[in-house]
Amino acid sequence: MIRVSQIGEEADVCISMCEVYLDDQDRLVNWTEELAVAPVGNDVEDLCLSMARMWVDAMCWVPVPSDSLAVGMEFSRAVDQATRNDLAEFIERGGSLLKSGQQ
């Protein structure tokens, strides 16, 4: 998800990715404290899938201020589930094209 952090002066804002952990009812359980989270993978394909998941998640949830994160909170969806599925499918197809291009 995307979080908005206040940095120093009131007008200084940092927009970053935040890794969140949700329970099976989509309520916040925990999150990363780092200002930004980098994608990682075991190989190029895994890294690309990690970035794709981050991109889809960033597009599907409404950004929140970092100081509002609290265990048990629920996030607002920016798109419906059908759109989220379409985005994920689009990314998955792109990953398949990347993989076939490496052969």
C-alpha atoms as a PDB file:
ATOM      1  CA  MET A   1       0.000   0.000   0.000  1.00  0.00           C
ATOM      2  CA  ILE A   2       1.064   3.608  -0.310  1.00  0.00           C
ATOM      3  CA  ARG A   3       1.645   5.671   2.792  1.00  0.00           C
ATOM      4  CA  VAL A   4       2.079   9.419   3.111  1.00  0.00           C
ATOM      5  CA  SER A   5       4.663  10.503   5.667  1.00  0.00           C
ATOM      6  CA  GLN A   6       5.323  13.972   7.049  1.00  0.00           C
ATOM      7  CA  ILE A   7       9.029  14.826   6.881  1.00  0.00           C
ATOM      8  CA  GLY A   8      10.186  17.855   8.870  1.00  0.00           C
ATOM      9  CA  GLU A   9       8.328  20.962   7.736  1.00  0.00           C
ATOM     10  CA  GLU A  10       4.565  20.832   7.334  1.00  0.00           C
ATOM     11  CA  ALA A  11       4.828  21.012   3.527  1.00  0.00           C
ATOM     12  CA  ASP A  12       7.439  18.224   3.268  1.00  0.00           C
ATOM     13  CA  VAL A  13       5.676  14.986   2.393  1.00  0.00           C
ATOM     14  CA  CYS A  14       7.142  11.632   1.392  1.00  0.00           C
ATOM     15  CA  ILE A  15       5.074   9.134  -0.587  1.00  0.00           C
ATOM     16  CA  SER A  16       6.369   5.572  -0.204  1.00  0.00           C
ATOM     17  CA  MET A  17       5.437   1.913  -0.363  1.00  0.00           C
ATOM     18  CA  CYS A  18       4.642   0.254   2.929  1.00  0.00           C
ATOM     19  CA  GLU A  19       4.440  -3.487   3.417  1.00  0.00           C
ATOM     20  CA  VAL A  20       1.359  -4.325   5.453  1.00  0.00           C
ATOM     21  CA  TYR A  21       0.143  -7.589   6.937  1.00  0.00           C
ATOM     22  CA  LEU A  22      -3.601  -8.175   7.055  1.00  0.00           C
ATOM     23  CA  ASP A  23      -5.661 -10.814   8.802  1.00  0.00           C
ATOM     24  CA  ASP A  24      -8.194 -12.944   6.925  1.00  0.00           C
ATOM     25  CA  GLN A  25     -10.776 -10.157   7.337  1.00  0.00           C
ATOM     26  CA  ASP A  26      -8.470  -7.532   5.727  1.00  0.00           C
ATOM     27  CA  ARG A  27      -7.717  -5.761   9.030  1.00  0.00           C
ATOM     28  CA  LEU A  28      -4.223  -4.453   9.686  1.00  0.00           C
ATOM     29  CA  VAL A  29      -2.095  -6.731  11.860  1.00  0.00           C
ATOM     30  CA  ASN A  30       1.383  -5.227  11.335  1.00  0.00           C
ATOM     31  CA  TRP A  31       3.437  -3.084   8.939  1.00  0.00           C
ATOM     32  CA  THR A  32       7.036  -2.228   8.106  1.00  0.00           C
ATOM     33  CA  GLU A  33       8.512   0.753   9.923  1.00  0.00           C
ATOM     34  CA  GLU A  34      11.013   1.603   7.171  1.00  0.00           C
ATOM     35  CA  LEU A  35      10.161   4.677   5.133  1.00  0.00           C
ATOM     36  CA  ALA A  36      10.273   2.652   1.919  1.00  0.00           C
ATOM     37  CA  VAL A  37      10.174  -1.049   1.047  1.00  0.00           C
ATOM     38  CA  ALA A  38      12.225  -2.410  -1.842  1.00  0.00           C
ATOM     39  CA  PRO A  39      11.031  -5.391  -3.878  1.00  0.00           C
ATOM     40  CA  VAL A  40      13.186  -8.525  -3.626  1.00  0.00           C
ATOM     41  CA  GLY A  41      13.167 -11.932  -5.299  1.00  0.00           C
ATOM     42  CA  ASN A  42      15.098 -15.176  -5.613  1.00  0.00           C
ATOM     43  CA  ASP A  43      15.542 -14.704  -9.369  1.00  0.00           C
ATOM     44  CA  VAL A  44      14.497 -12.198 -12.069  1.00  0.00           C
ATOM     45  CA  GLU A  45      11.052 -13.740 -12.503  1.00  0.00           C
ATOM     46  CA  ASP A  46      10.403 -13.725  -8.737  1.00  0.00           C
ATOM     47  CA  LEU A  47      11.588 -10.097  -8.491  1.00  0.00           C
ATOM     48  CA  CYS A  48       9.286  -9.072 -11.341  1.00  0.00           C
ATOM     49  CA  LEU A  49       6.325 -10.799  -9.664  1.00  0.00           C
ATOM     50  CA  SER A  50       7.155  -9.051  -6.376  1.00  0.00           C
ATOM     51  CA  MET A  51       7.209  -5.670  -8.124  1.00  0.00           C
ATOM     52  CA  ALA A  52       3.963  -6.512  -9.905  1.00  0.00           C
ATOM     53  CA  ARG A  53       2.228  -7.362  -6.632  1.00  0.00           C
ATOM     54  CA  MET A  54       3.469  -4.103  -5.117  1.00  0.00           C
ATOM     55  CA  TRP A  55       2.254  -2.136  -8.142  1.00  0.00           C
ATOM     56  CA  VAL A  56      -1.189  -3.753  -8.139  1.00  0.00           C
ATOM     57  CA  ASP A  57      -1.569  -3.237  -4.382  1.00  0.00           C
ATOM     58  CA  ALA A  58      -0.509   0.411  -4.691  1.00  0.00           C
ATOM     59  CA  MET A  59      -3.158   0.981  -7.364  1.00  0.00           C
ATOM     60  CA  CYS A  60      -5.939  -0.795  -5.444  1.00  0.00           C
ATOM     61  CA  TRP A  61      -5.870   0.802  -1.980  1.00  0.00           C
ATOM     62  CA  VAL A  62      -6.382   4.431  -0.972  1.00  0.00           C
ATOM     63  CA  PRO A  63      -3.109   5.904   0.412  1.00  0.00           C
ATOM     64  CA  VAL A  64      -3.068   6.580   4.162  1.00  0.00           C
ATOM     65  CA  PRO A  65      -1.021   8.875   6.411  1.00  0.00           C
ATOM     66  CA  SER A  66       1.710   6.870   8.151  1.00  0.00           C
ATOM     67  CA  ASP A  67       0.720   8.245  11.555  1.00  0.00           C
ATOM     68  CA  SER A  68      -2.792   6.810  11.148  1.00  0.00           C
ATOM     69  CA  LEU A  69      -1.633   3.172  10.894  1.00  0.00           C
ATOM     70  CA  ALA A  70      -3.083   1.156  13.779  1.00  0.00           C
ATOM     71  CA  VAL A  71      -3.623  -2.529  14.453  1.00  0.00           C
ATOM     72  CA  GLY A  72      -7.161  -3.515  13.500  1.00  0.00           C
ATOM     73  CA  MET A  73      -7.735  -0.667  11.027  1.00  0.00           C
ATOM     74  CA  GLU A  74      -9.287  -1.389   7.652  1.00  0.00           C
ATOM     75  CA  PHE A  75      -8.161   0.225   4.405  1.00  0.00           C
ATOM     76  CA  SER A  76     -10.420   1.744   1.770  1.00  0.00           C
ATOM     77  CA  ARG A  77     -10.340   0.149  -1.656  1.00  0.00           C
ATOM     78  CA  ALA A  78      -9.561   2.462  -4.569  1.00  0.00           C
ATOM     79  CA  VAL A  79     -10.937  -0.037  -7.109  1.00  0.00           C
ATOM     80  CA  ASP A  80     -13.354  -2.945  -6.999  1.00  0.00           C
ATOM     81  CA  GLN A  81     -12.243  -6.586  -6.906  1.00  0.00           C
ATOM     82  CA  ALA A  82     -12.931  -7.128 -10.634  1.00  0.00           C
ATOM     83  CA  THR A  83     -10.580  -4.251 -11.555  1.00  0.00           C
ATOM     84  CA  ARG A  84      -7.964  -5.583  -9.147  1.00  0.00           C
ATOM     85  CA  ASN A  85      -8.204  -9.006 -10.801  1.00  0.00           C
ATOM     86  CA  ASP A  86      -7.876  -7.402 -14.255  1.00  0.00           C
ATOM     87  CA  LEU A  87      -4.738  -5.533 -13.154  1.00  0.00           C
ATOM     88  CA  ALA A  88      -3.212  -8.693 -11.695  1.00  0.00           C
ATOM     89  CA  GLU A  89      -3.997 -10.659 -14.869  1.00  0.00           C
ATOM     90  CA  PHE A  90      -2.451  -7.925 -17.018  1.00  0.00           C
ATOM     91  CA  ILE A  91       0.732  -8.013 -14.927  1.00  0.00           C
ATOM     92  CA  GLU A  92       0.834 -11.812 -14.974  1.00  0.00           C
ATOM     93  CA  ARG A  93       0.622 -11.850 -18.787  1.00  0.00           C
ATOM     94  CA  GLY A  94       3.470  -9.342 -18.947  1.00  0.00           C
ATOM     95  CA  GLY A  95       5.569 -11.533 -16.662  1.00  0.00           C
ATOM     96  CA  SER A  96       4.940 -14.500 -18.946  1.00  0.00           C
ATOM     97  CA  LEU A  97       6.133 -12.445 -21.917  1.00  0.00           C
ATOM     98  CA  LEU A  98       9.290 -11.498 -20.016  1.00  0.00           C
ATOM     99  CA  LYS A  99       9.962 -15.109 -19.127  1.00  0.00           C
ATOM    100  CA  SER A 100       9.450 -16.322 -22.708  1.00  0.00           C
ATOM    101  CA  GLY A 101      11.815 -13.586 -23.937  1.00  0.00           C
ATOM    102  CA  GLN A 102      14.627 -14.901 -21.699  1.00  0.00           C
ATOM    103  CA  GLN A 103      14.713 -18.289 -23.395  1.00  0.00           C
END
